[in-house]
Amino acid sequence: MSKIRVLYVEDDPEWREGISHFFQAHERIDLYACAASIEACFSVLQDQPADVVVMDILLDDTELTGVDATLDITTQYPDVKVIMLSTLDDNDEIFNEAFMNGAYDYLYKYDFEKLPETIYEAMSNPTSKYGSRLRKLVYEKKRSLLNKGDRELLSLMVEGKTQLQIAEQLQVSLAAVKKHVGRILKKFNWSRSSRELADKCDKWGLLNEDEG
């Protein structure tokens, strides 16, 4: 039986060392690489594909989080299962977004001993541990934040248009576009760039037209 190839993404060297030592007792798991950053994670995946990525959430080297990286991993490598491993245990929004981004499961670091069992489960199940129902609930919650005008504006941003170009296309003032963007950012409690939010909403499928 071939081993399960696992990549661990964690910026804390003590955790990297500890998890590496922990997995030595599990013969079915091959922790073939550890990455200290999101950039290093994708570099490893490009050269050495993984079956499972164990992902920390708060990484010091970038504004992006492990939750953000999970969306990119599950988009670019749909066969890879991502398991979140974090100290954050009281943030429902992060928990929900992790599953919206395609995470298989979410473990707290004090439960790290559950990792082997969770990895085995991930390899035998085609979808998230919590199934499609949670993802649908989170999707509908986020979808409800956007009206038709919001989706139109974000779709234009995904196409690469600047706010000035959007204003010209929609025949409104630049100030009106800026104000509209600000309202969307507030709805999502978003502190990073509006283009990043547009890209994420597109990957989530939130910009599709309403059915019917």
N, C-alpha and C. Protein backbone atom coordinates (compact mmCIF):
# COMPACT_ATOMS: atom_id res chain seq x y z
N MET A 1 0.85 -1.20 0.00
CA MET A 1 0.00 0.00 0.00
C MET A 1 0.88 1.25 0.00
N SER A 2 0.62 2.15 -0.94
CA SER A 2 1.43 3.36 -1.03
C SER A 2 1.12 4.29 0.12
N LYS A 3 2.12 5.05 0.52
CA LYS A 3 1.94 5.98 1.63
C LYS A 3 1.18 7.23 1.17
N ILE A 4 0.56 7.86 2.14
CA ILE A 4 -0.16 9.12 1.88
C ILE A 4 0.84 10.26 1.99
N ARG A 5 0.98 11.02 0.92
CA ARG A 5 1.96 12.11 0.89
C ARG A 5 1.35 13.37 1.50
N VAL A 6 1.99 13.85 2.57
CA VAL A 6 1.46 14.99 3.32
C VAL A 6 2.47 16.14 3.31
N LEU A 7 1.97 17.33 3.05
CA LEU A 7 2.75 18.56 3.13
C LEU A 7 2.21 19.37 4.30
N TYR A 8 3.09 19.82 5.18
CA TYR A 8 2.68 20.61 6.35
C TYR A 8 3.14 22.04 6.17
N VAL A 9 2.20 22.99 6.26
CA VAL A 9 2.50 24.42 6.10
C VAL A 9 2.36 25.10 7.45
N GLU A 10 3.47 25.56 7.99
CA GLU A 10 3.50 26.12 9.35
C GLU A 10 4.74 27.00 9.48
N ASP A 11 4.56 28.23 9.98
CA ASP A 11 5.70 29.14 10.11
C ASP A 11 6.46 28.97 11.42
N ASP A 12 5.90 28.27 12.38
CA ASP A 12 6.55 28.06 13.67
C ASP A 12 7.46 26.83 13.59
N PRO A 13 8.79 27.00 13.70
CA PRO A 13 9.71 25.86 13.56
C PRO A 13 9.49 24.78 14.60
N GLU A 14 9.05 25.16 15.80
CA GLU A 14 8.81 24.15 16.83
C GLU A 14 7.65 23.24 16.45
N TRP A 15 6.61 23.82 15.86
CA TRP A 15 5.48 23.00 15.41
C TRP A 15 5.88 22.13 14.23
N ARG A 16 6.67 22.66 13.32
CA ARG A 16 7.13 21.85 12.19
C ARG A 16 7.92 20.65 12.68
N GLU A 17 8.81 20.89 13.62
CA GLU A 17 9.62 19.80 14.16
C GLU A 17 8.76 18.81 14.93
N GLY A 18 7.82 19.34 15.73
CA GLY A 18 6.98 18.47 16.55
C GLY A 18 6.08 17.57 15.71
N ILE A 19 5.44 18.14 14.69
CA ILE A 19 4.56 17.34 13.83
C ILE A 19 5.37 16.34 13.02
N SER A 20 6.55 16.73 12.57
CA SER A 20 7.42 15.80 11.84
C SER A 20 7.76 14.60 12.71
N HIS A 21 8.11 14.85 13.95
CA HIS A 21 8.43 13.77 14.88
C HIS A 21 7.19 12.91 15.15
N PHE A 22 6.04 13.54 15.31
CA PHE A 22 4.79 12.83 15.60
C PHE A 22 4.45 11.84 14.49
N PHE A 23 4.62 12.25 13.23
CA PHE A 23 4.23 11.39 12.11
C PHE A 23 5.19 10.23 11.89
N GLN A 24 6.35 10.26 12.51
CA GLN A 24 7.29 9.15 12.35
C GLN A 24 6.72 7.84 12.86
N ALA A 25 5.76 7.92 13.76
CA ALA A 25 5.15 6.70 14.32
C ALA A 25 4.00 6.18 13.46
N HIS A 26 3.73 6.84 12.35
CA HIS A 26 2.60 6.44 11.50
C HIS A 26 3.12 6.05 10.11
N GLU A 27 3.24 4.76 9.90
CA GLU A 27 3.91 4.25 8.71
C GLU A 27 3.16 4.55 7.42
N ARG A 28 1.86 4.73 7.49
CA ARG A 28 1.09 4.97 6.27
C ARG A 28 1.20 6.42 5.79
N ILE A 29 1.77 7.28 6.62
CA ILE A 29 1.86 8.70 6.28
C ILE A 29 3.30 9.10 5.99
N ASP A 30 3.49 9.72 4.85
CA ASP A 30 4.80 10.23 4.46
C ASP A 30 4.76 11.75 4.50
N LEU A 31 5.26 12.33 5.59
CA LEU A 31 5.36 13.79 5.67
C LEU A 31 6.60 14.17 4.86
N TYR A 32 6.41 14.34 3.57
CA TYR A 32 7.55 14.47 2.67
C TYR A 32 8.12 15.87 2.61
N ALA A 33 7.38 16.87 3.14
CA ALA A 33 7.89 18.24 3.10
C ALA A 33 7.15 19.10 4.11
N CYS A 34 7.87 20.11 4.62
CA CYS A 34 7.27 21.16 5.44
C CYS A 34 7.56 22.49 4.76
N ALA A 35 6.60 23.39 4.79
CA ALA A 35 6.78 24.71 4.19
C ALA A 35 6.49 25.76 5.24
N ALA A 36 7.35 26.78 5.29
CA ALA A 36 7.20 27.83 6.30
C ALA A 36 6.38 29.01 5.81
N SER A 37 5.95 28.98 4.54
CA SER A 37 5.19 30.09 3.98
C SER A 37 4.27 29.58 2.88
N ILE A 38 3.34 30.42 2.49
CA ILE A 38 2.43 30.06 1.40
C ILE A 38 3.20 29.94 0.09
N GLU A 39 4.14 30.85 -0.13
CA GLU A 39 4.95 30.78 -1.34
C GLU A 39 5.71 29.46 -1.42
N ALA A 40 6.30 29.06 -0.29
CA ALA A 40 7.03 27.79 -0.27
C ALA A 40 6.10 26.61 -0.48
N CYS A 41 4.89 26.71 0.04
CA CYS A 41 3.89 25.66 -0.13
C CYS A 41 3.62 25.41 -1.61
N PHE A 42 3.37 26.47 -2.37
CA PHE A 42 3.06 26.30 -3.79
C PHE A 42 4.28 25.86 -4.59
N SER A 43 5.46 26.26 -4.13
CA SER A 43 6.68 25.80 -4.78
C SER A 43 6.82 24.28 -4.63
N VAL A 44 6.52 23.78 -3.43
CA VAL A 44 6.57 22.33 -3.19
C VAL A 44 5.52 21.61 -4.02
N LEU A 45 4.29 22.12 -4.01
CA LEU A 45 3.20 21.47 -4.75
C LEU A 45 3.48 21.39 -6.24
N GLN A 46 4.13 22.42 -6.76
CA GLN A 46 4.43 22.44 -8.19
C GLN A 46 5.42 21.34 -8.56
N ASP A 47 6.38 21.09 -7.67
CA ASP A 47 7.42 20.10 -7.96
C ASP A 47 7.09 18.71 -7.45
N GLN A 48 6.38 18.65 -6.30
CA GLN A 48 6.12 17.36 -5.65
C GLN A 48 4.67 17.34 -5.16
N PRO A 49 3.75 16.86 -5.97
CA PRO A 49 2.33 16.86 -5.59
C PRO A 49 2.07 16.15 -4.27
N ALA A 50 1.11 16.66 -3.53
CA ALA A 50 0.72 16.07 -2.24
C ALA A 50 -0.65 15.42 -2.36
N ASP A 51 -0.93 14.50 -1.46
CA ASP A 51 -2.29 13.98 -1.31
C ASP A 51 -3.08 14.86 -0.33
N VAL A 52 -2.38 15.29 0.72
CA VAL A 52 -3.01 16.09 1.77
C VAL A 52 -2.08 17.24 2.15
N VAL A 53 -2.65 18.42 2.33
CA VAL A 53 -1.92 19.56 2.88
C VAL A 53 -2.51 19.88 4.25
N VAL A 54 -1.66 19.87 5.27
CA VAL A 54 -2.06 20.30 6.61
C VAL A 54 -1.65 21.76 6.73
N MET A 55 -2.62 22.64 6.92
CA MET A 55 -2.40 24.08 6.76
C MET A 55 -2.67 24.87 8.03
N ASP A 56 -1.65 25.61 8.48
CA ASP A 56 -1.85 26.59 9.54
C ASP A 56 -2.62 27.78 8.96
N ILE A 57 -3.21 28.60 9.80
CA ILE A 57 -3.99 29.74 9.29
C ILE A 57 -3.19 31.03 9.32
N LEU A 58 -2.61 31.36 10.46
CA LEU A 58 -1.89 32.63 10.59
C LEU A 58 -0.42 32.42 10.29
N LEU A 59 0.02 32.95 9.15
CA LEU A 59 1.41 32.83 8.72
C LEU A 59 2.01 34.22 8.65
N ASP A 60 3.21 34.38 9.20
CA ASP A 60 3.76 35.71 9.43
C ASP A 60 4.26 36.43 8.18
N ASP A 61 4.51 35.69 7.11
CA ASP A 61 5.26 36.28 6.01
C ASP A 61 4.41 37.03 4.99
N THR A 62 3.11 37.04 5.14
CA THR A 62 2.26 37.59 4.10
C THR A 62 0.93 38.05 4.68
N GLU A 63 0.24 38.92 3.93
CA GLU A 63 -1.11 39.32 4.32
C GLU A 63 -2.10 38.18 4.11
N LEU A 64 -1.77 37.25 3.22
CA LEU A 64 -2.65 36.12 2.97
C LEU A 64 -2.61 35.16 4.15
N THR A 65 -3.70 34.47 4.37
CA THR A 65 -3.77 33.47 5.44
C THR A 65 -3.82 32.07 4.84
N GLY A 66 -3.72 31.08 5.71
CA GLY A 66 -3.86 29.71 5.25
C GLY A 66 -5.23 29.44 4.66
N VAL A 67 -6.24 30.18 5.13
CA VAL A 67 -7.58 30.04 4.56
C VAL A 67 -7.59 30.53 3.12
N ASP A 68 -6.92 31.66 2.85
CA ASP A 68 -6.81 32.16 1.48
C ASP A 68 -6.08 31.15 0.60
N ALA A 69 -4.99 30.61 1.12
CA ALA A 69 -4.20 29.64 0.35
C ALA A 69 -5.01 28.39 0.04
N THR A 70 -5.90 28.02 0.95
CA THR A 70 -6.73 26.83 0.73
C THR A 70 -7.58 26.97 -0.51
N LEU A 71 -8.13 28.15 -0.74
CA LEU A 71 -8.94 28.38 -1.94
C LEU A 71 -8.10 28.19 -3.19
N ASP A 72 -6.87 28.71 -3.18
CA ASP A 72 -6.00 28.57 -4.34
C ASP A 72 -5.58 27.11 -4.55
N ILE A 73 -5.31 26.41 -3.45
CA ILE A 73 -4.91 25.01 -3.57
C ILE A 73 -6.04 24.17 -4.15
N THR A 74 -7.24 24.32 -3.60
CA THR A 74 -8.35 23.49 -4.06
C THR A 74 -8.81 23.88 -5.46
N THR A 75 -8.49 25.10 -5.89
CA THR A 75 -8.80 25.51 -7.26
C THR A 75 -7.77 24.95 -8.24
N GLN A 76 -6.49 25.07 -7.89
CA GLN A 76 -5.42 24.63 -8.79
C GLN A 76 -5.14 23.14 -8.71
N TYR A 77 -5.36 22.55 -7.53
CA TYR A 77 -5.08 21.13 -7.33
C TYR A 77 -6.33 20.47 -6.71
N PRO A 78 -7.37 20.25 -7.50
CA PRO A 78 -8.65 19.78 -6.95
C PRO A 78 -8.60 18.41 -6.28
N ASP A 79 -7.56 17.62 -6.55
CA ASP A 79 -7.46 16.30 -5.92
C ASP A 79 -6.80 16.35 -4.55
N VAL A 80 -6.23 17.49 -4.19
CA VAL A 80 -5.53 17.63 -2.91
C VAL A 80 -6.54 17.96 -1.81
N LYS A 81 -6.45 17.25 -0.69
CA LYS A 81 -7.30 17.54 0.46
C LYS A 81 -6.54 18.48 1.40
N VAL A 82 -7.21 19.50 1.91
CA VAL A 82 -6.60 20.45 2.83
C VAL A 82 -7.25 20.32 4.20
N ILE A 83 -6.42 20.14 5.21
CA ILE A 83 -6.88 20.06 6.60
C ILE A 83 -6.31 21.26 7.35
N MET A 84 -7.17 22.10 7.89
CA MET A 84 -6.72 23.25 8.65
C MET A 84 -6.29 22.78 10.04
N LEU A 85 -5.17 23.32 10.53
CA LEU A 85 -4.68 23.03 11.88
C LEU A 85 -4.31 24.36 12.51
N SER A 86 -5.09 24.80 13.50
CA SER A 86 -4.92 26.17 13.99
C SER A 86 -5.23 26.29 15.47
N THR A 87 -4.74 27.37 16.05
CA THR A 87 -5.09 27.70 17.44
C THR A 87 -6.40 28.47 17.51
N LEU A 88 -6.91 28.93 16.38
CA LEU A 88 -8.13 29.74 16.36
C LEU A 88 -9.35 28.84 16.54
N ASP A 89 -9.97 28.93 17.72
CA ASP A 89 -11.09 28.04 18.02
C ASP A 89 -12.37 28.78 18.37
N ASP A 90 -12.40 30.09 18.15
CA ASP A 90 -13.60 30.84 18.52
C ASP A 90 -14.01 31.83 17.44
N ASN A 91 -13.67 31.51 16.19
CA ASN A 91 -13.98 32.41 15.09
C ASN A 91 -14.81 31.67 14.04
N ASP A 92 -16.12 31.81 14.14
CA ASP A 92 -17.01 31.10 13.22
C ASP A 92 -16.81 31.53 11.78
N GLU A 93 -16.47 32.81 11.57
CA GLU A 93 -16.31 33.31 10.20
C GLU A 93 -15.15 32.61 9.51
N ILE A 94 -14.02 32.47 10.22
CA ILE A 94 -12.87 31.78 9.64
C ILE A 94 -13.20 30.31 9.40
N PHE A 95 -13.87 29.69 10.36
CA PHE A 95 -14.27 28.29 10.23
C PHE A 95 -15.14 28.12 8.98
N ASN A 96 -16.14 28.97 8.82
CA ASN A 96 -17.04 28.86 7.67
C ASN A 96 -16.31 29.12 6.35
N GLU A 97 -15.43 30.12 6.36
CA GLU A 97 -14.72 30.44 5.12
C GLU A 97 -13.77 29.32 4.72
N ALA A 98 -13.19 28.64 5.70
CA ALA A 98 -12.30 27.52 5.38
C ALA A 98 -13.05 26.47 4.57
N PHE A 99 -14.27 26.16 4.96
CA PHE A 99 -15.04 25.16 4.22
C PHE A 99 -15.55 25.72 2.90
N MET A 100 -15.87 27.00 2.87
CA MET A 100 -16.25 27.64 1.61
C MET A 100 -15.10 27.54 0.61
N ASN A 101 -13.87 27.59 1.12
CA ASN A 101 -12.69 27.54 0.27
C ASN A 101 -12.27 26.11 -0.08
N GLY A 102 -13.02 25.13 0.41
CA GLY A 102 -12.76 23.76 0.01
C GLY A 102 -12.00 22.91 1.00
N ALA A 103 -11.79 23.40 2.23
CA ALA A 103 -11.09 22.59 3.23
C ALA A 103 -11.87 21.32 3.54
N TYR A 104 -11.14 20.23 3.79
CA TYR A 104 -11.79 18.97 4.15
C TYR A 104 -12.22 18.98 5.62
N ASP A 105 -11.33 19.46 6.49
CA ASP A 105 -11.65 19.47 7.92
C ASP A 105 -10.87 20.59 8.60
N TYR A 106 -11.22 20.85 9.84
CA TYR A 106 -10.63 21.94 10.62
C TYR A 106 -10.35 21.38 12.01
N LEU A 107 -9.06 21.27 12.34
CA LEU A 107 -8.66 20.77 13.64
C LEU A 107 -7.97 21.87 14.44
N TYR A 108 -8.15 21.82 15.75
CA TYR A 108 -7.43 22.74 16.62
C TYR A 108 -6.10 22.11 17.01
N LYS A 109 -5.11 22.95 17.25
CA LYS A 109 -3.78 22.41 17.50
C LYS A 109 -3.71 21.54 18.74
N TYR A 110 -4.57 21.82 19.71
CA TYR A 110 -4.55 20.96 20.90
C TYR A 110 -5.15 19.58 20.61
N ASP A 111 -5.73 19.40 19.41
CA ASP A 111 -6.24 18.10 18.99
C ASP A 111 -5.37 17.48 17.89
N PHE A 112 -4.10 17.87 17.83
CA PHE A 112 -3.25 17.43 16.72
C PHE A 112 -3.15 15.91 16.62
N GLU A 113 -3.38 15.19 17.73
CA GLU A 113 -3.29 13.73 17.68
C GLU A 113 -4.39 13.11 16.81
N LYS A 114 -5.40 13.90 16.46
CA LYS A 114 -6.45 13.42 15.56
C LYS A 114 -6.05 13.50 14.09
N LEU A 115 -4.87 14.07 13.82
CA LEU A 115 -4.46 14.26 12.43
C LEU A 115 -4.40 12.97 11.63
N PRO A 116 -3.76 11.90 12.11
CA PRO A 116 -3.70 10.68 11.30
C PRO A 116 -5.08 10.16 10.91
N GLU A 117 -5.97 10.08 11.87
CA GLU A 117 -7.33 9.59 11.59
C GLU A 117 -8.02 10.49 10.57
N THR A 118 -7.84 11.81 10.72
CA THR A 118 -8.48 12.75 9.79
C THR A 118 -7.89 12.61 8.39
N ILE A 119 -6.60 12.38 8.30
CA ILE A 119 -5.95 12.19 7.00
C ILE A 119 -6.47 10.93 6.33
N TYR A 120 -6.60 9.84 7.09
CA TYR A 120 -7.13 8.60 6.52
C TYR A 120 -8.56 8.82 6.02
N GLU A 121 -9.36 9.52 6.79
CA GLU A 121 -10.74 9.81 6.38
C GLU A 121 -10.76 10.64 5.10
N ALA A 122 -9.88 11.63 5.05
CA ALA A 122 -9.84 12.51 3.88
C ALA A 122 -9.54 11.73 2.60
N MET A 123 -8.69 10.73 2.72
CA MET A 123 -8.31 9.96 1.54
C MET A 123 -9.42 9.00 1.09
N SER A 124 -10.36 8.72 1.97
CA SER A 124 -11.44 7.79 1.61
C SER A 124 -12.76 8.49 1.28
N ASN A 125 -12.81 9.81 1.50
CA ASN A 125 -14.04 10.57 1.23
C ASN A 125 -13.81 11.57 0.11
N PRO A 126 -14.72 11.63 -0.86
CA PRO A 126 -14.52 12.52 -2.01
C PRO A 126 -14.81 13.99 -1.72
N THR A 127 -15.56 14.27 -0.65
CA THR A 127 -15.95 15.65 -0.38
C THR A 127 -15.53 16.05 1.03
N SER A 128 -15.92 17.25 1.42
CA SER A 128 -15.64 17.74 2.77
C SER A 128 -16.25 16.82 3.80
N LYS A 129 -15.60 16.72 4.94
CA LYS A 129 -16.12 15.89 6.03
C LYS A 129 -17.53 16.31 6.40
N TYR A 130 -17.81 17.59 6.31
CA TYR A 130 -19.12 18.10 6.71
C TYR A 130 -20.11 18.14 5.55
N GLY A 131 -19.67 17.60 4.39
CA GLY A 131 -20.57 17.46 3.26
C GLY A 131 -20.93 18.78 2.61
N SER A 132 -21.83 18.69 1.66
CA SER A 132 -22.19 19.86 0.86
C SER A 132 -23.15 20.80 1.58
N ARG A 133 -23.81 20.31 2.63
CA ARG A 133 -24.84 21.13 3.28
C ARG A 133 -24.24 22.38 3.92
N LEU A 134 -23.13 22.20 4.67
CA LEU A 134 -22.50 23.36 5.30
C LEU A 134 -22.01 24.33 4.25
N ARG A 135 -21.38 23.81 3.21
CA ARG A 135 -20.87 24.68 2.15
C ARG A 135 -22.02 25.47 1.51
N LYS A 136 -23.16 24.80 1.31
CA LYS A 136 -24.31 25.47 0.71
C LYS A 136 -24.83 26.58 1.63
N LEU A 137 -24.87 26.31 2.94
CA LEU A 137 -25.34 27.31 3.88
C LEU A 137 -24.43 28.54 3.89
N VAL A 138 -23.11 28.28 3.90
CA VAL A 138 -22.16 29.39 3.90
C VAL A 138 -22.24 30.15 2.58
N TYR A 139 -22.35 29.39 1.47
CA TYR A 139 -22.47 30.02 0.15
C TYR A 139 -23.68 30.95 0.11
N GLU A 140 -24.82 30.45 0.58
CA GLU A 140 -26.04 31.25 0.52
C GLU A 140 -25.94 32.49 1.40
N LYS A 141 -25.25 32.35 2.54
CA LYS A 141 -25.07 33.51 3.42
C LYS A 141 -24.24 34.59 2.73
N LYS A 142 -23.14 34.19 2.10
CA LYS A 142 -22.29 35.16 1.42
C LYS A 142 -22.98 35.69 0.16
N ARG A 143 -23.67 34.81 -0.55
CA ARG A 143 -24.37 35.22 -1.76
C ARG A 143 -25.40 36.30 -1.45
N SER A 144 -26.05 36.18 -0.30
CA SER A 144 -27.10 37.13 0.08
C SER A 144 -26.55 38.53 0.34
N LEU A 145 -25.24 38.64 0.53
CA LEU A 145 -24.63 39.95 0.76
C LEU A 145 -24.57 40.78 -0.51
N LEU A 146 -24.66 40.12 -1.67
CA LEU A 146 -24.46 40.81 -2.94
C LEU A 146 -25.77 40.97 -3.70
N ASN A 147 -26.04 42.19 -4.16
CA ASN A 147 -27.16 42.39 -5.07
C ASN A 147 -26.65 42.36 -6.51
N LYS A 148 -27.54 42.51 -7.47
CA LYS A 148 -27.16 42.40 -8.88
C LYS A 148 -26.10 43.43 -9.25
N GLY A 149 -26.25 44.66 -8.75
CA GLY A 149 -25.27 45.70 -9.05
C GLY A 149 -23.90 45.39 -8.47
N ASP A 150 -23.88 44.81 -7.28
CA ASP A 150 -22.61 44.42 -6.66
C ASP A 150 -21.90 43.38 -7.53
N ARG A 151 -22.66 42.39 -7.98
CA ARG A 151 -22.06 41.32 -8.79
C ARG A 151 -21.55 41.85 -10.12
N GLU A 152 -22.30 42.80 -10.69
CA GLU A 152 -21.86 43.39 -11.96
C GLU A 152 -20.54 44.14 -11.76
N LEU A 153 -20.45 44.92 -10.71
CA LEU A 153 -19.22 45.69 -10.45
C LEU A 153 -18.04 44.76 -10.20
N LEU A 154 -18.24 43.75 -9.35
CA LEU A 154 -17.15 42.82 -9.04
C LEU A 154 -16.73 42.03 -10.27
N SER A 155 -17.68 41.68 -11.13
CA SER A 155 -17.35 40.95 -12.36
C SER A 155 -16.47 41.79 -13.27
N LEU A 156 -16.74 43.07 -13.35
CA LEU A 156 -15.90 43.96 -14.15
C LEU A 156 -14.50 44.06 -13.57
N MET A 157 -14.39 44.04 -12.25
CA MET A 157 -13.08 44.07 -11.61
C MET A 157 -12.31 42.79 -11.91
N VAL A 158 -13.01 41.65 -11.91
CA VAL A 158 -12.37 40.38 -12.24
C VAL A 158 -11.82 40.41 -13.66
N GLU A 159 -12.52 41.12 -14.55
CA GLU A 159 -12.05 41.25 -15.94
C GLU A 159 -10.80 42.11 -16.05
N GLY A 160 -10.44 42.78 -14.95
CA GLY A 160 -9.23 43.59 -14.95
C GLY A 160 -9.46 45.08 -15.15
N LYS A 161 -10.71 45.48 -15.17
CA LYS A 161 -11.01 46.90 -15.39
C LYS A 161 -10.72 47.72 -14.14
N THR A 162 -10.22 48.93 -14.35
CA THR A 162 -9.99 49.85 -13.25
C THR A 162 -11.31 50.50 -12.84
N GLN A 163 -11.29 51.18 -11.71
CA GLN A 163 -12.51 51.85 -11.27
C GLN A 163 -12.92 52.95 -12.25
N LEU A 164 -11.94 53.61 -12.85
CA LEU A 164 -12.25 54.64 -13.85
C LEU A 164 -12.91 54.02 -15.07
N GLN A 165 -12.37 52.89 -15.54
CA GLN A 165 -12.96 52.21 -16.69
C GLN A 165 -14.38 51.72 -16.38
N ILE A 166 -14.57 51.25 -15.15
CA ILE A 166 -15.90 50.79 -14.74
C ILE A 166 -16.88 51.96 -14.74
N ALA A 167 -16.43 53.10 -14.23
CA ALA A 167 -17.29 54.29 -14.20
C ALA A 167 -17.70 54.68 -15.62
N GLU A 168 -16.75 54.64 -16.54
CA GLU A 168 -17.05 55.00 -17.93
C GLU A 168 -18.02 54.00 -18.56
N GLN A 169 -17.82 52.71 -18.29
CA GLN A 169 -18.69 51.69 -18.88
C GLN A 169 -20.11 51.77 -18.33
N LEU A 170 -20.22 52.03 -17.03
CA LEU A 170 -21.54 52.10 -16.40
C LEU A 170 -22.17 53.48 -16.50
N GLN A 171 -21.38 54.43 -17.05
CA GLN A 171 -21.86 55.80 -17.23
C GLN A 171 -22.27 56.44 -15.90
N VAL A 172 -21.38 56.28 -14.93
CA VAL A 172 -21.56 56.92 -13.63
C VAL A 172 -20.25 57.61 -13.27
N SER A 173 -20.26 58.37 -12.19
CA SER A 173 -19.05 59.07 -11.79
C SER A 173 -18.07 58.12 -11.10
N LEU A 174 -16.79 58.49 -11.13
CA LEU A 174 -15.78 57.70 -10.43
C LEU A 174 -16.08 57.67 -8.94
N ALA A 175 -16.56 58.78 -8.40
CA ALA A 175 -16.90 58.84 -6.98
C ALA A 175 -17.99 57.84 -6.63
N ALA A 176 -18.96 57.67 -7.54
CA ALA A 176 -20.04 56.70 -7.31
C ALA A 176 -19.50 55.28 -7.26
N VAL A 177 -18.55 54.98 -8.15
CA VAL A 177 -17.95 53.64 -8.16
C VAL A 177 -17.17 53.41 -6.87
N LYS A 178 -16.38 54.40 -6.47
CA LYS A 178 -15.61 54.25 -5.23
C LYS A 178 -16.52 54.03 -4.03
N LYS A 179 -17.62 54.76 -3.99
CA LYS A 179 -18.57 54.61 -2.89
C LYS A 179 -19.20 53.23 -2.91
N HIS A 180 -19.53 52.75 -4.10
CA HIS A 180 -20.12 51.41 -4.24
C HIS A 180 -19.14 50.34 -3.78
N VAL A 181 -17.88 50.47 -4.19
CA VAL A 181 -16.85 49.51 -3.77
C VAL A 181 -16.74 49.51 -2.25
N GLY A 182 -16.75 50.69 -1.66
CA GLY A 182 -16.65 50.79 -0.20
C GLY A 182 -17.78 50.07 0.51
N ARG A 183 -18.99 50.16 -0.05
CA ARG A 183 -20.13 49.47 0.55
C ARG A 183 -19.96 47.95 0.49
N ILE A 184 -19.42 47.47 -0.62
CA ILE A 184 -19.20 46.02 -0.76
C ILE A 184 -18.15 45.55 0.24
N LEU A 185 -17.07 46.30 0.37
CA LEU A 185 -16.02 45.93 1.32
C LEU A 185 -16.57 45.87 2.73
N LYS A 186 -17.44 46.81 3.06
CA LYS A 186 -18.04 46.85 4.40
C LYS A 186 -18.93 45.64 4.63
N LYS A 187 -19.67 45.23 3.61
CA LYS A 187 -20.55 44.06 3.74
C LYS A 187 -19.76 42.81 4.13
N PHE A 188 -18.56 42.68 3.56
CA PHE A 188 -17.74 41.50 3.81
C PHE A 188 -16.74 41.72 4.94
N ASN A 189 -16.78 42.91 5.55
CA ASN A 189 -15.81 43.24 6.59
C ASN A 189 -14.40 42.99 6.08
N TRP A 190 -14.15 43.48 4.86
CA TRP A 190 -12.93 43.18 4.12
C TRP A 190 -11.94 44.32 4.26
N SER A 191 -10.70 44.01 4.67
CA SER A 191 -9.71 45.05 4.90
C SER A 191 -8.61 45.08 3.85
N ARG A 192 -8.63 44.11 2.93
CA ARG A 192 -7.59 44.09 1.89
C ARG A 192 -8.14 44.72 0.60
N SER A 193 -7.47 44.52 -0.50
CA SER A 193 -7.85 45.22 -1.72
C SER A 193 -9.18 44.70 -2.28
N SER A 194 -9.89 45.60 -2.94
CA SER A 194 -11.17 45.23 -3.54
C SER A 194 -10.98 44.21 -4.66
N ARG A 195 -9.86 44.27 -5.35
CA ARG A 195 -9.61 43.30 -6.43
C ARG A 195 -9.44 41.89 -5.87
N GLU A 196 -8.81 41.77 -4.71
CA GLU A 196 -8.69 40.46 -4.06
C GLU A 196 -10.07 39.91 -3.71
N LEU A 197 -10.94 40.78 -3.20
CA LEU A 197 -12.28 40.33 -2.86
C LEU A 197 -13.04 39.90 -4.11
N ALA A 198 -12.90 40.66 -5.18
CA ALA A 198 -13.57 40.30 -6.43
C ALA A 198 -13.11 38.94 -6.92
N ASP A 199 -11.81 38.70 -6.86
CA ASP A 199 -11.26 37.41 -7.30
C ASP A 199 -11.80 36.28 -6.44
N LYS A 200 -11.86 36.51 -5.13
CA LYS A 200 -12.36 35.47 -4.22
C LYS A 200 -13.83 35.18 -4.48
N CYS A 201 -14.63 36.23 -4.65
CA CYS A 201 -16.06 36.03 -4.93
C CYS A 201 -16.26 35.26 -6.23
N ASP A 202 -15.40 35.53 -7.21
CA ASP A 202 -15.48 34.81 -8.48
C ASP A 202 -15.18 33.33 -8.28
N LYS A 203 -14.13 33.01 -7.53
CA LYS A 203 -13.77 31.62 -7.27
C LYS A 203 -14.84 30.91 -6.45
N TRP A 204 -15.51 31.64 -5.58
CA TRP A 204 -16.59 31.06 -4.78
C TRP A 204 -17.84 30.81 -5.63
N GLY A 205 -17.91 31.41 -6.80
CA GLY A 205 -19.10 31.27 -7.63
C GLY A 205 -20.21 32.23 -7.27
N LEU A 206 -19.87 33.31 -6.56
CA LEU A 206 -20.89 34.25 -6.10
C LEU A 206 -21.32 35.25 -7.17
N LEU A 207 -20.57 35.30 -8.28
CA LEU A 207 -20.85 36.32 -9.28
C LEU A 207 -21.73 35.81 -10.41
N ASN A 208 -22.14 34.55 -10.36
CA ASN A 208 -23.03 34.00 -11.38
C ASN A 208 -24.39 34.67 -11.29
N GLU A 209 -25.06 34.74 -12.42
CA GLU A 209 -26.40 35.34 -12.45
C GLU A 209 -27.38 34.47 -11.67
N ASP A 210 -28.39 35.10 -11.11
CA ASP A 210 -29.45 34.36 -10.42
C ASP A 210 -30.16 33.44 -11.40
N GLU A 211 -30.54 32.28 -10.89
CA GLU A 211 -31.30 31.35 -11.71
C GLU A 211 -32.74 31.84 -11.82
N GLY A 212 -33.35 31.57 -12.98
CA GLY A 212 -34.74 31.89 -13.18
C GLY A 212 -34.96 33.35 -13.51
